[in-house]
Protein backbone atom coordinates (compact mmCIF):
# COMPACT_ATOMS: atom_id res chain seq x y z
CA UNK A 1 -57.77 -60.65 71.06
CA UNK A 2 -60.96 -62.12 69.54
CA UNK A 3 -61.27 -62.34 65.76
CA UNK A 4 -64.00 -59.68 65.61
CA UNK A 5 -61.95 -57.32 67.78
CA UNK A 6 -58.88 -58.01 65.64
CA UNK A 7 -60.83 -57.06 62.50
CA UNK A 8 -62.16 -53.91 64.19
CA UNK A 9 -58.64 -52.99 65.27
CA UNK A 10 -57.34 -53.43 61.69
CA UNK A 11 -60.22 -51.38 60.28
CA UNK A 12 -59.60 -48.66 62.86
CA UNK A 13 -55.92 -48.53 61.91
CA UNK A 14 -56.75 -48.39 58.20
CA UNK A 15 -59.30 -45.61 58.65
CA UNK A 16 -56.94 -43.64 60.90
CA UNK A 17 -54.13 -43.79 58.33
CA UNK A 18 -56.43 -42.62 55.54
CA UNK A 19 -57.85 -39.80 57.66
CA UNK A 20 -54.73 -38.50 59.43
CA UNK A 21 -51.92 -39.41 57.01
CA UNK A 22 -53.67 -39.20 53.62
CA UNK A 23 -55.94 -36.29 54.64
CA UNK A 24 -58.99 -38.03 53.19
CA UNK A 25 -62.42 -36.88 54.36
CA UNK A 26 -64.74 -39.27 56.20
CA UNK A 27 -67.00 -39.38 53.14
CA UNK A 28 -64.07 -40.29 50.88
CA UNK A 29 -62.99 -43.03 53.28
CA UNK A 30 -66.53 -44.40 53.46
CA UNK A 31 -66.69 -44.61 49.67
CA UNK A 32 -63.22 -46.14 49.34
CA UNK A 33 -63.91 -48.82 51.97
CA UNK A 34 -67.58 -49.39 51.02
CA UNK A 35 -68.81 -48.58 54.52
CA UNK A 36 -71.10 -45.88 55.88
CA UNK A 37 -69.86 -42.51 57.04
CA UNK A 38 -71.11 -43.09 60.64
CA UNK A 39 -69.05 -46.30 60.66
CA UNK A 40 -65.97 -44.31 59.67
CA UNK A 41 -66.66 -41.89 62.51
CA UNK A 42 -67.03 -44.75 65.00
CA UNK A 43 -63.80 -46.38 63.79
CA UNK A 44 -61.91 -43.09 64.21
CA UNK A 45 -63.23 -42.82 67.76
CA UNK A 46 -62.23 -46.46 68.37
CA UNK A 47 -58.71 -45.67 67.08
CA UNK A 48 -58.42 -42.79 69.52
CA UNK A 49 -59.80 -44.82 72.42
CA UNK A 50 -57.37 -47.69 71.77
CA UNK A 51 -54.33 -45.44 71.52
CA UNK A 52 -53.85 -46.09 67.81
CA UNK A 53 -54.10 -42.33 67.37
CA UNK A 54 -52.89 -39.79 69.90
CA UNK A 55 -53.81 -36.16 69.39
CA UNK A 56 -51.33 -33.69 70.84
CA UNK A 57 -51.88 -29.94 70.73
CA UNK A 58 -48.62 -28.01 70.66
CA UNK A 59 -49.07 -24.47 71.88
CA UNK A 60 -46.41 -22.80 69.72
CA UNK A 61 -46.88 -19.43 71.36
CA UNK A 62 -46.37 -20.96 74.78
CA UNK A 63 -43.19 -22.63 73.50
CA UNK A 64 -42.00 -19.30 72.17
CA UNK A 65 -42.75 -17.34 75.34
CA UNK A 66 -41.01 -19.99 77.45
CA UNK A 67 -37.94 -19.90 75.20
CA UNK A 68 -37.85 -16.12 75.38
CA UNK A 69 -37.98 -16.14 79.17
CA UNK A 70 -35.27 -18.80 79.45
CA UNK A 71 -32.94 -17.06 76.99
CA UNK A 72 -33.48 -13.72 78.74
CA UNK A 73 -32.44 -15.37 81.98
CA UNK A 74 -29.40 -17.03 80.38
CA UNK A 75 -28.01 -13.97 78.60
CA UNK A 76 -29.66 -11.03 80.41
CA UNK A 77 -30.85 -9.37 77.19
CA UNK A 78 -34.14 -8.68 75.44
CA UNK A 79 -35.18 -11.70 73.35
CA UNK A 80 -37.76 -12.12 70.59
CA UNK A 81 -38.24 -15.72 69.44
CA UNK A 82 -40.00 -16.01 66.09
CA UNK A 83 -42.42 -18.98 65.66
CA UNK A 84 -40.97 -20.94 62.73
CA UNK A 85 -41.89 -24.55 63.48
CA UNK A 86 -42.78 -26.43 60.30
CA UNK A 87 -41.41 -23.76 57.97
CA UNK A 88 -38.83 -24.35 55.25
CA UNK A 89 -35.46 -22.60 55.57
CA UNK A 90 -36.34 -19.82 53.10
CA UNK A 91 -39.63 -19.20 54.89
CA UNK A 92 -37.84 -19.00 58.25
CA UNK A 93 -35.54 -16.26 56.99
CA UNK A 94 -38.51 -14.30 55.69
CA UNK A 95 -40.50 -14.43 58.93
CA UNK A 96 -37.43 -13.64 61.05
CA UNK A 97 -36.70 -10.66 58.81
CA UNK A 98 -40.29 -9.53 59.14
CA UNK A 99 -40.22 -9.83 62.94
CA UNK A 100 -36.96 -7.86 63.18
CA UNK A 101 -38.36 -5.20 60.84
CA UNK A 102 -41.47 -4.81 62.97
CA UNK A 103 -39.34 -4.49 66.11
CA UNK A 104 -37.13 -1.86 64.48
CA UNK A 105 -40.19 0.10 63.34
CA UNK A 106 -41.54 0.04 66.90
CA UNK A 107 -38.42 1.59 68.46
CA UNK A 108 -37.32 4.09 65.79
CA UNK A 109 -37.90 7.73 66.66
CA UNK A 110 -37.04 11.08 65.03
CA UNK A 111 -33.32 11.84 64.61
CA UNK A 112 -32.25 8.22 65.19
CA UNK A 113 -29.16 6.98 63.35
CA UNK A 114 -29.48 3.36 62.24
CA UNK A 115 -26.29 1.47 61.42
CA UNK A 116 -26.49 -1.83 59.57
CA UNK A 117 -24.36 -4.72 58.38
CA UNK A 118 -25.06 -6.70 55.23
CA UNK A 119 -25.85 -10.23 54.08
CA UNK A 120 -29.01 -12.25 53.47
CA UNK A 121 -30.37 -11.80 56.99
CA UNK A 122 -30.02 -8.01 57.05
CA UNK A 123 -31.45 -7.76 53.54
CA UNK A 124 -34.46 -9.77 54.72
CA UNK A 125 -35.00 -7.23 57.50
CA UNK A 126 -34.74 -4.32 55.08
CA UNK A 127 -37.07 -5.86 52.53
CA UNK A 128 -39.81 -6.21 55.17
CA UNK A 129 -39.66 -2.64 56.45
CA UNK A 130 -42.71 -0.48 55.80
CA UNK A 131 -42.29 3.05 54.50
CA UNK A 132 -42.20 5.35 57.52
CA UNK A 133 -42.17 9.13 57.75
CA UNK A 134 -39.86 9.51 60.75
CA UNK A 135 -38.17 12.93 60.64
CA UNK A 136 -34.39 13.10 60.63
CA UNK A 137 -33.62 9.38 60.56
CA UNK A 138 -30.26 8.46 59.01
CA UNK A 139 -29.08 5.05 57.77
CA UNK A 140 -25.39 4.17 57.55
CA UNK A 141 -23.29 1.17 56.51
CA UNK A 142 -21.28 0.06 59.50
CA UNK A 143 -18.69 -1.85 57.48
CA UNK A 144 -17.20 -1.72 54.01
CA UNK A 145 -19.50 -3.05 51.32
CA UNK A 146 -17.18 -3.74 48.35
CA UNK A 147 -16.07 -7.33 47.65
CA UNK A 148 -13.63 -8.93 45.22
CA UNK A 149 -15.97 -11.63 43.93
CA UNK A 150 -19.30 -12.12 42.18
CA UNK A 151 -20.77 -13.63 45.35
CA UNK A 152 -23.76 -11.46 46.32
CA UNK A 153 -23.32 -9.71 49.67
CA UNK A 154 -26.58 -7.71 49.59
CA UNK A 155 -24.56 -4.75 50.91
CA UNK A 156 -26.09 -2.09 48.69
CA UNK A 157 -29.48 -3.79 48.43
CA UNK A 158 -29.70 -3.82 52.23
CA UNK A 159 -28.87 -0.18 52.90
CA UNK A 160 -31.00 0.96 49.97
CA UNK A 161 -33.98 -0.95 51.40
CA UNK A 162 -33.49 0.61 54.84
CA UNK A 163 -33.03 4.09 53.39
CA UNK A 164 -36.12 3.74 51.18
CA UNK A 165 -38.25 2.64 54.14
CA UNK A 166 -37.14 5.56 56.31
CA UNK A 167 -37.21 8.00 53.38
CA UNK A 168 -33.61 9.05 53.80
CA UNK A 169 -30.36 9.05 51.86
CA UNK A 170 -28.14 5.97 52.38
CA UNK A 171 -24.70 6.65 53.82
CA UNK A 172 -22.46 4.17 52.00
CA UNK A 173 -19.03 2.97 53.07
CA UNK A 174 -17.75 2.16 49.54
CA UNK A 175 -14.67 0.21 50.59
CA UNK A 176 -13.58 -3.39 51.02
CA UNK A 177 -14.26 -4.43 54.59
CA UNK A 178 -10.81 -6.02 54.97
CA UNK A 179 -7.64 -4.52 53.48
CA UNK A 180 -4.53 -6.47 52.48
CA UNK A 181 -2.30 -3.81 53.97
CA UNK A 182 -2.73 -1.96 57.26
CA UNK A 183 -1.02 1.16 55.98
CA UNK A 184 -3.38 1.36 52.99
CA UNK A 185 -6.38 1.03 55.28
CA UNK A 186 -5.09 3.75 57.59
CA UNK A 187 -4.45 6.05 54.64
CA UNK A 188 -7.97 5.51 53.24
CA UNK A 189 -9.51 6.18 56.66
CA UNK A 190 -8.10 9.70 56.54
CA UNK A 191 -10.20 10.63 53.49
CA UNK A 192 -12.81 13.20 54.51
CA UNK A 193 -15.93 11.37 53.26
CA UNK A 194 -14.79 8.08 54.82
CA UNK A 195 -14.20 9.85 58.13
CA UNK A 196 -17.72 11.28 58.01
CA UNK A 197 -19.29 7.86 57.42
CA UNK A 198 -17.24 6.05 60.07
CA UNK A 199 -17.98 8.84 62.55
CA UNK A 200 -21.68 8.45 61.77
CA UNK A 201 -21.36 4.74 62.60
CA UNK A 202 -19.97 5.67 66.00
CA UNK A 203 -22.81 8.14 66.58
CA UNK A 204 -25.52 5.64 65.58
CA UNK A 205 -27.80 4.72 68.47
CA UNK A 206 -29.27 1.67 66.69
CA UNK A 207 -27.28 -1.18 65.13
CA UNK A 208 -28.88 -4.01 63.17
CA UNK A 209 -26.59 -6.94 62.42
CA UNK A 210 -26.18 -10.69 62.23
CA UNK A 211 -23.30 -13.07 62.86
CA UNK A 212 -21.30 -15.12 60.40
CA UNK A 213 -19.77 -18.57 60.74
CA UNK A 214 -16.39 -20.11 59.92
CA UNK A 215 -17.82 -22.97 57.92
CA UNK A 216 -16.38 -23.69 54.46
CA UNK A 217 -19.31 -21.93 52.78
CA UNK A 218 -19.25 -18.84 55.02
CA UNK A 219 -19.93 -15.74 52.93
CA UNK A 220 -16.92 -13.86 54.28
CA UNK A 221 -14.64 -16.64 52.99
CA UNK A 222 -16.05 -16.33 49.45
CA UNK A 223 -15.42 -12.62 48.90
CA UNK A 224 -11.69 -12.55 48.16
CA UNK A 225 -10.62 -10.67 51.28
CA UNK A 226 -8.67 -13.47 52.94
CA UNK A 227 -5.73 -15.66 52.00
CA UNK A 228 -5.97 -19.45 52.37
CA UNK A 229 -3.65 -19.42 55.38
CA UNK A 230 -5.83 -16.82 57.09
CA UNK A 231 -8.98 -18.84 56.45
CA UNK A 232 -7.30 -21.96 57.85
CA UNK A 233 -6.28 -20.04 60.98
CA UNK A 234 -9.76 -18.60 61.48
CA UNK A 235 -11.43 -21.99 61.12
CA UNK A 236 -9.24 -23.22 63.96
CA UNK A 237 -9.34 -20.22 66.30
CA UNK A 238 -12.60 -18.36 65.58
CA UNK A 239 -16.28 -19.33 65.74
CA UNK A 240 -17.68 -16.55 63.57
CA UNK A 241 -17.69 -12.84 62.88
CA UNK A 242 -19.57 -9.67 63.78
CA UNK A 243 -19.27 -6.89 61.20
CA UNK A 244 -16.47 -9.03 59.69
CA UNK A 245 -14.49 -8.92 62.94
CA UNK A 246 -13.72 -12.51 63.89
CA UNK A 247 -14.35 -13.65 67.45
CA UNK A 248 -13.52 -16.75 69.47
CA UNK A 249 -15.94 -18.80 71.56
CA UNK A 250 -15.78 -16.24 74.38
CA UNK A 251 -16.55 -13.31 72.09
CA UNK A 252 -13.00 -11.96 72.04
CA UNK A 253 -11.11 -10.91 68.90
CA UNK A 254 -9.58 -14.05 67.37
CA UNK A 255 -6.93 -12.36 65.21
CA UNK A 256 -5.81 -8.88 66.23
CA UNK A 257 -3.72 -8.30 63.10
CA UNK A 258 -6.69 -9.05 60.86
CA UNK A 259 -8.93 -6.94 63.08
CA UNK A 260 -6.64 -3.94 62.56
CA UNK A 261 -7.01 -4.34 58.77
CA UNK A 262 -10.81 -4.37 59.02
CA UNK A 263 -12.75 -1.17 58.40
CA UNK A 264 -16.05 -0.42 60.05
CA UNK A 265 -17.59 -0.25 63.50
CA UNK A 266 -15.33 -1.63 66.23
CA UNK A 267 -16.73 -4.15 68.69
CA UNK A 268 -16.12 -1.85 71.70
CA UNK A 269 -18.13 0.86 69.90
CA UNK A 270 -20.88 -1.66 69.15
CA UNK A 271 -21.28 -2.23 72.88
CA UNK A 272 -22.23 1.42 73.39
CA UNK A 273 -25.36 1.33 71.22
CA UNK A 274 -28.71 1.93 72.89
CA UNK A 275 -30.17 -0.74 70.62
CA UNK A 276 -27.76 -3.41 69.36
CA UNK A 277 -30.13 -5.77 67.56
CA UNK A 278 -28.72 -9.18 66.65
CA UNK A 279 -30.86 -10.98 64.06
CA UNK A 280 -30.29 -14.72 63.70
CA UNK A 281 -31.79 -17.38 61.47
CA UNK A 282 -30.36 -20.89 61.20
CA UNK A 283 -28.87 -23.52 63.50
CA UNK A 284 -25.43 -23.00 61.94
CA UNK A 285 -25.24 -19.60 63.66
CA UNK A 286 -25.84 -20.87 67.20
CA UNK A 287 -22.16 -21.08 68.19
CA UNK A 288 -21.30 -17.60 66.91
CA UNK A 289 -24.50 -16.20 68.44
CA UNK A 290 -23.53 -17.57 71.84
CA UNK A 291 -20.07 -16.02 71.47
CA UNK A 292 -21.53 -12.65 70.44
CA UNK A 293 -23.83 -12.61 73.45
CA UNK A 294 -21.05 -13.67 75.81
CA UNK A 295 -19.01 -10.79 74.42
CA UNK A 296 -21.82 -8.36 75.24
CA UNK A 297 -22.22 -7.06 71.68
CA UNK A 298 -26.03 -7.23 71.55
CA UNK A 299 -28.77 -6.16 73.93
CA UNK A 300 -31.62 -7.48 71.79
CA UNK A 301 -31.88 -10.82 70.00
CA UNK A 302 -34.38 -11.72 67.28
CA UNK A 303 -34.04 -15.43 66.49
CA UNK A 304 -35.95 -18.27 64.87
CA UNK A 305 -37.60 -20.79 67.16
CA UNK A 306 -35.47 -23.80 66.23
CA UNK A 307 -32.17 -21.96 66.60
CA UNK A 308 -33.46 -20.47 69.87
CA UNK A 309 -33.92 -23.96 71.32
CA UNK A 310 -30.43 -24.96 70.15
CA UNK A 311 -29.01 -21.78 71.69
CA UNK A 312 -30.72 -22.48 75.00
CA UNK A 313 -29.24 -26.00 75.05
CA UNK A 314 -25.80 -24.80 73.93
CA UNK A 315 -23.10 -24.95 76.58
């Protein structure tokens, strides 16, 4: 390379870095390097011609539509992939919640019964719902919402947000989701109000829920429901939970004894819903999402773009 070409190459590299990495304008670069603005423009063109700079246009919507089609084919369900590339984790949860809220608004009709779980993801959905005057809509908690710790579960915040949006009265299930004793749980289930709420869960034609994990920081492990030995067992034999019912990698109940002590919608009943909407945000939920879909517990998936790609690649 001749000396003059070497200098031009170095100048092109310098200008390209200032323009593309430092976001400086051509005028600012010209002033900083004591050259004319047309020279800056020519050096940028030189950088592109020499391959110093490569401009690639990523069609995010095309990526999303392709992911949706591939996931539909893999799991045979309705899929909505939310464009989240470049967003921080908190922002991802917000846009996924918004997308799920918009989908729910689009399918809700008079006299529908909407059953929900709780947690950050479901609260994000509820907080993005618009107020809607849909006659006769009911909203019900599909699992107990009382915990034994100060860890926020967003149980009451979630159902209150849904009920406010649909201008209805929230149907609470004011119980711990997992009981220490099976006999106590069975006794409580006989109470008239509890029977009404659990029956309403069975009658619901729409379910909105997410999946949990069995990582150390999993919310369900922080709420005081489970003994250390039970947590250790679940970490080894389960991949996550749906409505606090723990499942293995194939979507089957991982601990039948624990399942019997859990109050709320059963997984067989969940399968009967006309709209079983699984809302997922975060790569950590990919394994439990795959298990939930293998188990047939959802017929609609709303998921962030990055997790969607991981789910597609998951085997």
